[in-house]
Protein backbone atom coordinates (compact mmCIF):
# COMPACT_ATOMS: atom_id res chain seq x y z
CA MET A 1 8.74 -9.30 -27.94
CA ILE A 2 5.96 -9.50 -25.38
CA ASP A 3 3.46 -10.84 -27.96
CA GLU A 4 5.78 -13.68 -29.00
CA ASP A 5 7.34 -14.81 -25.73
CA THR A 6 5.74 -17.42 -23.53
CA ILE A 7 6.67 -16.75 -19.92
CA ALA A 8 6.65 -19.06 -16.91
CA ALA A 9 7.33 -18.82 -13.19
CA ILE A 10 6.61 -20.43 -9.86
CA ALA A 11 3.61 -18.47 -8.57
CA THR A 12 3.60 -19.68 -4.97
CA PRO A 13 6.12 -19.00 -2.19
CA PHE A 14 9.13 -21.29 -1.93
CA GLY A 15 9.09 -23.81 0.85
CA THR A 16 7.43 -27.04 1.89
CA GLY A 17 3.66 -26.96 1.55
CA GLY A 18 0.57 -28.67 0.21
CA ILE A 19 0.31 -27.17 -3.27
CA GLY A 20 2.71 -25.26 -5.51
CA ILE A 21 1.72 -23.56 -8.76
CA ILE A 22 3.67 -22.99 -11.97
CA LYS A 23 2.05 -20.38 -14.19
CA ILE A 24 2.61 -20.14 -17.96
CA SER A 25 1.35 -17.32 -20.22
CA GLY A 26 1.77 -16.72 -23.93
CA PRO A 27 1.10 -18.24 -27.35
CA LYS A 28 2.99 -21.50 -26.64
CA SER A 29 1.31 -22.19 -23.27
CA PHE A 30 -1.08 -24.86 -24.52
CA GLU A 31 1.57 -26.44 -26.76
CA ILE A 32 3.98 -26.73 -23.81
CA ALA A 33 1.23 -28.16 -21.59
CA LYS A 34 0.45 -30.92 -24.10
CA LYS A 35 4.14 -31.90 -24.24
CA ILE A 36 4.78 -32.12 -20.51
CA PHE A 37 1.41 -33.23 -19.11
CA ARG A 38 -0.07 -36.71 -19.44
CA ARG A 39 -3.71 -37.04 -18.45
CA LYS A 40 -4.92 -39.99 -16.40
CA ALA A 41 -8.33 -39.96 -18.08
CA GLN A 42 -8.34 -41.30 -21.63
CA SER A 43 -10.87 -38.81 -22.99
CA SER A 44 -10.90 -35.86 -25.35
CA ALA A 45 -8.31 -33.10 -25.50
CA LEU A 46 -7.66 -30.62 -22.69
CA LYS A 47 -10.66 -28.37 -22.19
CA PRO A 48 -10.28 -24.77 -21.09
CA TYR A 49 -11.59 -23.79 -17.64
CA HIS A 50 -11.47 -27.38 -16.35
CA LEU A 51 -9.12 -29.05 -13.88
CA HIS A 52 -7.38 -32.05 -15.41
CA TYR A 53 -5.70 -34.73 -13.30
CA GLY A 54 -2.50 -36.28 -14.59
CA GLU A 55 1.29 -36.41 -14.42
CA VAL A 56 4.05 -33.96 -15.33
CA ILE A 57 6.57 -35.74 -17.54
CA ASP A 58 10.27 -35.11 -18.04
CA THR A 59 10.34 -34.83 -21.83
CA GLN A 60 14.00 -35.88 -21.91
CA ASP A 61 13.51 -39.41 -20.59
CA GLY A 62 9.75 -39.81 -20.11
CA SER A 63 10.00 -40.15 -16.33
CA VAL A 64 7.25 -38.84 -14.07
CA ILE A 65 8.17 -35.73 -12.08
CA ASP A 66 4.94 -35.41 -10.10
CA GLU A 67 1.20 -35.90 -10.08
CA ALA A 68 -0.57 -32.64 -10.85
CA LEU A 69 -3.77 -30.80 -11.66
CA LEU A 70 -3.62 -28.66 -14.80
CA SER A 71 -5.96 -25.86 -15.85
CA PHE A 72 -6.02 -23.97 -19.14
CA MET A 73 -7.48 -20.46 -19.61
CA GLN A 74 -7.99 -19.47 -23.22
CA LYS A 75 -7.32 -15.94 -24.43
CA PRO A 76 -8.76 -13.35 -24.06
CA THR A 77 -10.61 -14.50 -20.91
CA SER A 78 -7.57 -14.98 -18.69
CA TYR A 79 -5.54 -12.90 -16.25
CA THR A 80 -3.12 -11.73 -18.95
CA LYS A 81 -5.62 -11.92 -21.86
CA GLU A 82 -3.24 -14.53 -23.30
CA ASP A 83 -3.42 -18.32 -23.22
CA VAL A 84 -2.60 -19.24 -19.62
CA VAL A 85 -1.79 -22.63 -18.11
CA GLU A 86 -1.49 -23.31 -14.38
CA ILE A 87 0.07 -26.52 -13.08
CA ASN A 88 -0.82 -27.41 -9.48
CA CYS A 89 1.65 -29.93 -8.10
CA HIS A 90 3.05 -30.85 -4.71
CA SER A 91 4.86 -27.94 -3.14
CA GLY A 92 8.55 -28.17 -2.37
CA PHE A 93 11.53 -26.44 -3.91
CA LEU A 94 12.88 -29.42 -5.87
CA VAL A 95 9.65 -30.57 -7.51
CA LEU A 96 8.59 -27.03 -8.46
CA GLN A 97 12.04 -26.25 -9.83
CA LYS A 98 12.09 -29.44 -11.93
CA VAL A 99 8.64 -28.72 -13.40
CA LEU A 100 9.69 -25.15 -14.19
CA GLU A 101 12.91 -26.36 -15.85
CA ILE A 102 10.92 -28.67 -18.15
CA VAL A 103 8.58 -25.80 -19.08
CA LEU A 104 11.57 -23.60 -19.94
CA LYS A 105 13.20 -26.38 -21.99
CA GLU A 106 10.03 -26.73 -24.05
CA GLY A 107 9.94 -23.07 -25.08
CA GLY A 108 9.06 -20.99 -22.06
CA ARG A 109 11.06 -18.04 -20.75
CA LEU A 110 11.48 -17.24 -17.07
CA ALA A 111 9.13 -14.38 -16.23
CA GLU A 112 10.46 -11.13 -14.84
CA PRO A 113 9.04 -9.74 -11.57
CA GLY A 114 5.46 -8.60 -12.16
CA GLU A 115 5.47 -9.64 -15.82
CA PHE A 116 2.13 -11.47 -15.69
CA THR A 117 0.41 -8.37 -14.32
CA LYS A 118 2.36 -6.16 -16.72
CA ARG A 119 0.94 -8.19 -19.59
CA ALA A 120 -2.54 -7.81 -18.14
CA PHE A 121 -1.94 -4.04 -18.20
CA ILE A 122 -0.39 -3.90 -21.67
CA ASN A 123 -3.14 -6.11 -23.09
CA GLY A 124 -5.81 -3.80 -21.67
CA ARG A 125 -7.33 -6.04 -19.02
CA ILE A 126 -6.50 -3.60 -16.23
CA ASP A 127 -5.09 -0.08 -16.07
CA LEU A 128 -1.96 0.95 -14.18
CA SER A 129 -3.71 1.96 -10.96
CA GLN A 130 -5.41 -1.44 -10.89
CA ALA A 131 -2.07 -3.16 -11.49
CA GLU A 132 -0.62 -1.30 -8.50
CA ALA A 133 -3.60 -2.49 -6.46
CA VAL A 134 -2.48 -6.08 -7.08
CA VAL A 135 0.74 -5.36 -5.15
CA ASP A 136 -1.28 -3.75 -2.36
CA ILE A 137 -3.50 -6.84 -2.12
CA VAL A 138 -0.46 -9.12 -1.89
CA ASN A 139 1.13 -6.87 0.76
CA SER A 140 -2.05 -6.28 2.80
CA GLN A 141 -1.62 -7.02 6.49
CA THR A 142 -5.07 -6.00 7.76
CA ASN A 143 -8.72 -6.14 6.73
CA ALA A 144 -8.77 -2.39 6.10
CA SER A 145 -5.79 -2.34 3.75
CA LEU A 146 -7.13 -5.39 1.88
CA ARG A 147 -10.56 -3.79 1.48
CA VAL A 148 -9.11 -0.59 0.03
CA ALA A 149 -6.79 -2.46 -2.35
CA THR A 150 -9.68 -4.63 -3.57
CA GLN A 151 -11.80 -1.55 -4.29
CA GLN A 152 -8.96 -0.05 -6.32
CA LEU A 153 -8.53 -3.29 -8.25
CA LYS A 154 -12.24 -3.11 -9.09
CA GLY A 155 -11.56 0.24 -10.75
CA VAL A 156 -13.12 2.72 -8.30
CA LEU A 157 -10.24 5.20 -8.69
CA SER A 158 -9.96 4.51 -12.42
CA LYS A 159 -13.60 5.51 -12.96
CA GLU A 160 -13.07 8.75 -11.04
CA VAL A 161 -9.99 9.62 -13.10
CA MET A 162 -11.83 8.86 -16.34
CA LYS A 163 -14.68 11.18 -15.27
CA LEU A 164 -12.15 13.96 -14.75
CA LYS A 165 -10.55 13.26 -18.11
CA GLU A 166 -13.94 13.30 -19.82
CA GLY A 167 -14.78 16.66 -18.25
CA LEU A 168 -11.43 18.12 -19.28
CA SER A 169 -11.74 16.72 -22.80
CA ASN A 170 -15.12 18.41 -23.18
CA VAL A 171 -13.65 21.74 -22.09
CA LEU A 172 -10.70 21.27 -24.44
CA THR A 173 -13.05 20.51 -27.35
CA CYS A 174 -14.90 23.79 -26.76
CA ILE A 175 -11.67 25.79 -26.57
CA GLU A 176 -10.24 24.19 -29.71
CA ALA A 177 -13.52 24.85 -31.54
CA SER A 178 -13.35 28.52 -30.54
CA ILE A 179 -9.81 28.64 -31.98
CA ASP A 180 -10.99 27.05 -35.25
CA PHE A 181 -13.87 29.51 -35.61
CA SER A 182 -12.08 32.56 -34.21
CA GLU A 183 -12.35 34.49 -37.47
CA GLU A 184 -16.13 34.02 -37.55
CA ASP A 185 -16.60 35.73 -34.17
CA ILE A 186 -18.60 32.79 -32.78
CA ASP A 187 -18.54 31.97 -29.07
CA ILE A 188 -18.88 28.18 -28.82
CA ILE A 189 -19.33 28.55 -25.07
CA PRO A 190 -19.11 31.77 -23.03
CA PRO A 191 -15.78 32.18 -21.18
CA HIS A 192 -17.47 32.39 -17.77
CA GLU A 193 -19.07 28.98 -18.34
CA LEU A 194 -15.70 27.50 -19.27
CA LEU A 195 -14.25 29.04 -16.13
CA ASN A 196 -16.99 27.48 -13.98
CA LYS A 197 -16.37 24.07 -15.55
CA ILE A 198 -12.63 24.33 -14.89
CA LYS A 199 -13.23 25.43 -11.29
CA GLY A 200 -15.56 22.47 -10.74
CA LEU A 201 -12.97 20.06 -12.09
CA MET A 202 -10.29 21.65 -9.92
CA ASP A 203 -12.50 21.17 -6.85
CA ASN A 204 -12.90 17.49 -7.68
CA ILE A 205 -9.14 17.06 -8.10
CA ARG A 206 -8.52 18.84 -4.79
CA ARG A 207 -10.90 16.45 -3.04
CA LEU A 208 -8.94 13.50 -4.38
CA ILE A 209 -5.63 15.07 -3.30
CA ASP A 210 -7.04 15.78 0.16
CA SER A 211 -8.14 12.15 0.42
CA TYR A 212 -4.54 10.94 0.32
CA GLU A 213 -4.03 11.11 4.09
CA GLU A 214 -7.18 9.03 4.59
CA GLY A 215 -6.03 6.62 1.91
CA ARG A 216 -2.56 6.37 3.41
CA PHE A 217 -4.17 5.55 6.75
CA TYR A 218 -6.13 2.66 5.26
CA ARG A 219 -3.17 1.38 3.23
CA GLU A 220 -0.29 1.88 5.66
CA GLY A 221 -2.03 2.47 8.99
CA ILE A 222 -0.90 4.94 11.62
CA SER A 223 2.34 5.22 13.53
CA ALA A 224 2.46 5.38 17.30
CA ILE A 225 5.76 6.24 18.96
CA ILE A 226 6.56 5.07 22.49
CA ILE A 227 8.58 7.66 24.37
CA GLY A 228 9.55 8.38 27.95
CA LYS A 229 12.49 8.59 30.29
CA PRO A 230 15.00 5.73 30.49
CA ASN A 231 13.87 2.60 32.35
CA VAL A 232 10.16 3.46 32.54
CA GLY A 233 9.16 0.29 30.65
CA LYS A 234 8.97 1.39 27.01
CA SER A 235 10.52 -1.80 25.63
CA SER A 236 8.42 -3.91 27.98
CA LEU A 237 5.36 -2.17 26.56
CA LEU A 238 6.48 -2.92 23.00
CA ASN A 239 6.88 -6.59 23.91
CA ALA A 240 3.45 -6.64 25.57
CA LEU A 241 1.79 -5.08 22.51
CA LEU A 242 3.51 -7.55 20.18
CA LYS A 243 2.97 -10.48 22.55
CA GLU A 244 6.58 -11.49 22.01
CA LYS A 245 10.04 -10.54 23.28
CA ARG A 246 11.11 -8.22 20.49
CA ALA A 247 13.14 -5.73 22.54
CA ILE A 248 15.80 -6.44 25.16
CA VAL A 249 14.58 -5.54 28.64
CA THR A 250 16.91 -4.99 31.61
CA SER A 251 16.92 -2.93 34.78
CA ILE A 252 19.81 -0.90 33.36
CA PRO A 253 18.68 2.53 32.07
CA GLY A 254 19.53 3.19 28.42
CA THR A 255 19.31 -0.41 27.20
CA THR A 256 17.39 0.63 24.07
CA ARG A 257 19.60 2.81 21.91
CA ASP A 258 18.20 2.24 18.44
CA ILE A 259 14.77 2.58 16.86
CA ILE A 260 12.62 -0.57 16.75
CA GLU A 261 9.57 -0.57 14.45
CA GLU A 262 6.97 -3.33 14.40
CA GLY A 263 3.39 -3.63 13.17
CA ILE A 264 0.28 -4.85 14.98
CA ASN A 265 -3.38 -5.15 14.08
CA VAL A 266 -5.89 -3.03 16.01
CA LYS A 267 -9.48 -4.01 15.16
CA GLY A 268 -8.50 -4.77 11.60
CA PHE A 269 -6.39 -1.64 11.06
CA PRO A 270 -2.59 -1.48 10.75
CA LEU A 271 -0.68 0.20 13.57
CA LYS A 272 3.09 0.70 13.45
CA ILE A 273 4.66 0.79 16.91
CA ILE A 274 7.98 2.61 17.28
CA ASP A 275 10.11 1.95 20.36
CA THR A 276 12.75 4.57 21.10
CA ALA A 277 15.69 5.32 23.36
CA GLY A 278 14.93 6.86 26.72
CA MET A 279 14.87 10.66 26.52
CA GLY A 280 16.92 12.71 28.94
CA ASP A 281 20.37 14.10 29.62
CA THR A 282 23.23 11.74 28.79
CA LYS A 283 26.96 11.89 28.10
CA ASP A 284 26.91 8.62 26.16
CA VAL A 285 27.48 9.32 22.44
CA ILE A 286 25.42 6.31 21.32
CA GLU A 287 22.53 7.24 23.63
CA GLU A 288 22.63 10.80 22.28
CA GLU A 289 22.27 9.46 18.73
CA GLY A 290 19.36 7.28 19.87
CA ILE A 291 17.63 10.32 21.37
CA ARG A 292 18.19 12.30 18.18
CA LEU A 293 16.59 9.51 16.13
CA ALA A 294 13.71 9.36 18.60
CA LYS A 295 13.01 13.07 18.13
CA GLU A 296 13.09 12.63 14.34
CA LYS A 297 10.48 9.87 14.55
CA LEU A 298 8.44 11.92 17.01
CA ALA A 299 8.03 14.70 14.46
CA SER A 300 6.29 12.44 11.94
CA ALA A 301 4.37 10.10 14.27
CA ASP A 302 0.56 10.16 14.21
CA LEU A 303 0.29 9.40 17.92
CA VAL A 304 2.50 9.47 21.00
CA ILE A 305 2.30 6.87 23.76
CA LEU A 306 4.05 8.59 26.67
CA VAL A 307 5.17 6.03 29.23
CA ILE A 308 5.28 7.27 32.83
CA ASP A 309 6.64 5.23 35.73
CA SER A 310 3.77 5.40 38.22
CA SER A 311 5.96 4.02 41.01
CA GLN A 312 8.00 7.23 40.94
CA GLU A 313 6.97 10.86 41.42
CA LEU A 314 6.74 12.93 38.25
CA ASP A 315 9.94 14.92 37.91
CA GLN A 316 11.45 17.53 35.64
CA GLY A 317 12.54 14.86 33.16
CA ASP A 318 8.90 13.87 32.62
CA PHE A 319 7.78 17.48 32.26
CA ASP A 320 10.59 18.24 29.80
CA ILE A 321 9.31 15.46 27.56
CA ILE A 322 5.69 16.60 27.95
CA ALA A 323 6.74 20.11 26.87
CA GLU A 324 7.83 18.70 23.50
CA LEU A 325 4.39 17.17 22.86
CA PHE A 326 2.26 20.33 22.75
CA ASP A 327 1.16 19.76 19.13
CA LYS A 328 0.80 15.96 19.22
CA LYS A 329 -1.99 13.54 20.04
CA VAL A 330 -0.86 11.90 23.28
CA ILE A 331 -1.96 8.90 25.31
CA VAL A 332 -0.26 8.46 28.67
CA ALA A 333 0.54 4.86 29.57
CA LEU A 334 0.80 4.94 33.36
CA ASN A 335 3.11 1.96 33.78
CA LYS A 336 4.12 -0.27 36.73
CA ILE A 337 0.74 -0.07 38.45
CA ASP A 338 1.51 -3.50 39.90
CA LEU A 339 3.90 -1.70 42.27
CA ILE A 340 1.52 0.96 43.64
CA GLN A 341 -1.82 1.46 45.38
CA GLU A 342 -5.01 2.67 43.67
CA SER A 343 -4.70 6.01 45.48
CA SER A 344 -1.34 6.63 43.80
CA ILE A 345 -2.92 6.01 40.38
CA SER A 346 -5.57 8.64 41.11
CA LYS A 347 -2.90 11.07 42.24
CA ALA A 348 -0.93 10.61 39.03
CA LYS A 349 -4.09 11.04 36.95
CA ASP A 350 -4.77 14.38 38.65
CA LYS A 351 -1.34 15.65 37.64
CA LEU A 352 -1.88 14.57 34.02
CA LYS A 353 -5.58 15.37 33.72
CA ASN A 354 -5.16 17.09 30.33
CA TYR A 355 -4.29 13.75 28.72
CA SER A 356 -5.98 10.45 28.01
CA ILE A 357 -4.51 8.11 30.62
CA VAL A 358 -4.43 4.32 30.62
CA PRO A 359 -3.01 2.55 33.71
CA ILE A 360 -0.94 -0.47 32.66
CA SER A 361 1.56 -3.02 33.84
CA ALA A 362 3.65 -3.83 30.78
CA LEU A 363 5.45 -6.56 32.72
CA TYR A 364 2.22 -8.46 33.36
CA SER A 365 0.36 -7.30 30.20
CA GLN A 366 -2.26 -5.62 32.35
CA GLY A 367 -4.26 -2.84 30.66
CA ILE A 368 -2.80 -3.56 27.21
CA GLU A 369 -6.19 -4.15 25.57
CA GLU A 370 -7.45 -0.93 27.14
CA LEU A 371 -4.44 0.88 25.69
CA LYS A 372 -5.24 -0.49 22.22
CA GLU A 373 -8.83 0.68 22.63
CA ALA A 374 -7.57 4.16 23.57
CA VAL A 375 -5.39 4.24 20.44
CA PHE A 376 -8.37 3.19 18.32
CA SER A 377 -10.57 5.90 19.85
CA ALA A 378 -7.92 8.61 19.55
CA ILE A 379 -6.90 8.14 15.92
CA ILE A 380 -8.75 5.44 14.06
CA GLN A 381 -12.39 5.74 15.07
CA HIS A 382 -13.00 9.29 13.82
CA LYS A 383 -11.52 8.36 10.45
CA LEU A 384 -14.17 5.66 10.08
CA GLU A 385 -17.11 7.95 10.77
CA SER A 386 -17.18 9.70 7.37
CA PRO A 387 -14.66 8.12 4.99
CA PRO A 388 -14.59 9.53 1.44
CA SER A 389 -16.29 7.40 -1.22
CA VAL A 390 -13.13 7.46 -3.34
CA PHE A 391 -9.63 8.10 -2.08
CA ILE A 392 -6.07 7.69 -3.25
CA THR A 393 -3.49 5.61 -1.41
CA ASN A 394 -0.46 5.92 -3.67
CA ILE A 395 1.98 8.85 -3.58
CA ARG A 396 2.48 8.53 -7.35
CA HIS A 397 -1.21 9.23 -7.89
CA LYS A 398 -1.10 12.20 -5.52
CA ILE A 399 1.84 13.77 -7.37
CA ALA A 400 0.11 13.29 -10.74
CA LEU A 401 -3.06 14.94 -9.40
CA GLU A 402 -1.08 17.85 -7.98
CA LYS A 403 0.57 18.41 -11.37
CA ALA A 404 -2.83 18.22 -13.09
CA LEU A 405 -4.23 20.78 -10.64
CA ASP A 406 -1.27 23.10 -11.18
CA ASN A 407 -1.80 23.04 -14.96
CA LEU A 408 -5.50 23.73 -14.52
CA ALA A 409 -4.66 26.70 -12.30
CA HIS A 410 -2.65 28.11 -15.20
CA ALA A 411 -5.60 27.46 -17.54
CA GLU A 412 -7.90 29.27 -15.11
CA GLU A 413 -5.50 32.22 -14.96
CA SER A 414 -5.27 32.48 -18.75
CA LEU A 415 -9.07 32.56 -19.03
CA ILE A 416 -9.39 35.23 -16.35
CA LYS A 417 -6.72 37.37 -18.04
CA GLU A 418 -8.36 36.77 -21.45
CA MET A 419 -5.13 35.43 -22.89
CA SER A 420 -4.97 33.61 -26.22
CA PRO A 421 -7.05 30.39 -26.04
CA GLU A 422 -4.05 28.44 -27.32
CA PHE A 423 -2.42 28.90 -23.87
CA THR A 424 -5.54 27.61 -22.12
CA ALA A 425 -5.74 24.62 -24.46
CA LEU A 426 -2.08 23.75 -23.84
CA ASP A 427 -2.51 23.82 -20.05
CA ILE A 428 -5.57 21.56 -20.28
CA GLN A 429 -3.68 19.14 -22.53
CA LEU A 430 -0.89 18.99 -19.94
CA SER A 431 -3.46 18.38 -17.21
CA LEU A 432 -4.96 15.52 -19.23
CA LYS A 433 -1.48 14.03 -19.64
CA CYS A 434 -0.97 14.09 -15.86
CA LEU A 435 -4.28 12.31 -15.26
CA GLY A 436 -3.31 9.78 -17.92
CA GLU A 437 -0.21 8.93 -15.88
CA ILE A 438 -2.42 7.55 -13.09
CA VAL A 439 -4.10 4.95 -15.29
CA GLY A 440 -1.02 4.34 -17.44
CA GLU A 441 -2.09 6.05 -20.66
CA THR A 442 0.84 8.46 -20.69
CA THR A 443 3.33 6.77 -18.36
CA SER A 444 6.96 6.43 -19.45
CA ASP A 445 8.59 3.01 -19.85
CA ASP A 446 11.05 3.83 -17.04
CA ILE A 447 8.20 4.40 -14.58
CA LEU A 448 6.41 1.26 -15.77
CA ASP A 449 9.58 -0.79 -15.26
CA ARG A 450 10.02 0.64 -11.77
CA ILE A 451 6.41 -0.09 -10.79
CA PHE A 452 6.42 -3.68 -12.00
CA SER A 453 9.87 -4.38 -10.54
CA GLU A 454 8.24 -4.10 -7.11
CA PHE A 455 6.15 -7.20 -7.83
CA CYS A 456 7.23 -10.70 -6.91
CA ILE A 457 8.14 -13.20 -9.63
CA GLY A 458 5.04 -15.18 -10.59
CA LYS A 459 2.69 -12.21 -10.25
């Protein structure tokens, strides 16, 4: 049982380092700590919320495993709201593993992935949306994604969901009261007022649903696909953006045949770069598959970086690709400017004047910072001008809100058609259940297990 088990795990990444941490949580935490830890200072017992210097002892033979600092957090003021002990010792696989083995021998159980945070959720320290934010914080790659995850951990979304639930509960109370007093011909609240309240709540839910794309942008960033004819320098551009040789570059057209996806940071925001096979006519079966995959990625990309070889005249192959981009945001990377005169750049710009154009030399990393700035201006900057105060970043939350909205639409319809109030009450109850899924009040065990399985062991 979760209330009886004491769990333990290595909470820091494996590998050689300065400090490694073993975390213990549960009713036996303090008891285990006293058995395996010998303080250097000959003073009073271990105090909570203090760092204590000493040695971790092998309880089998009394030998010293390592010097360590130990801290003890007393329930309920700890991460899990249980007694928690953290042992800070020298990092390294062997020493951490030996300390963990001693903890397990003295009554601990190896924690499952995410079990510490799951206990924090079950014990009421955080709700489910806040627990999910912990994963987002751990996985954050940019300042923007970290900022959003931190806000969610603070409970910004939770408070918004609870406001919606409170509003729905008030409406439900009025409807249930009207059912109870139906024989006395008393209107607890006029139907048109109930309808207005439901419409207002629906508007608020819609705003949250609509915020998902903004939230996804902050959490996951945007995707920019690099496309163009074979041998125009697409893979060279990817390497220049990454500042490393990620893609093979040769003078042979069609070298890139598969999709390569990598992430970079543009002014603190995540940008996924997708390198693709050169687009054009080919009889090579593998190249054809690469082009098919490129077109699939093109359909879902937020931005297109169209690479044009400025050392060559624009031809039908270029225009065929341009024709497929009529509904996309496009930046033209005018590549190989190291091979041409300034007059040729101006000539190419005239032919592509409907697009944002950035002259570059991918080979010499010339114009790469200007290209990043163009990407920022095209996609990212306008999203920063008026961000919503609260937004959702998780598809699970979006689906739950959509189900809640759908049930409220049925409640609205039943009120308009003057159907039995029992139908309206049922739809509102279902809507409340959907909102409860976001914060974990009505979430099934299967979903909880799936969510926490995405965590690393030790978190």
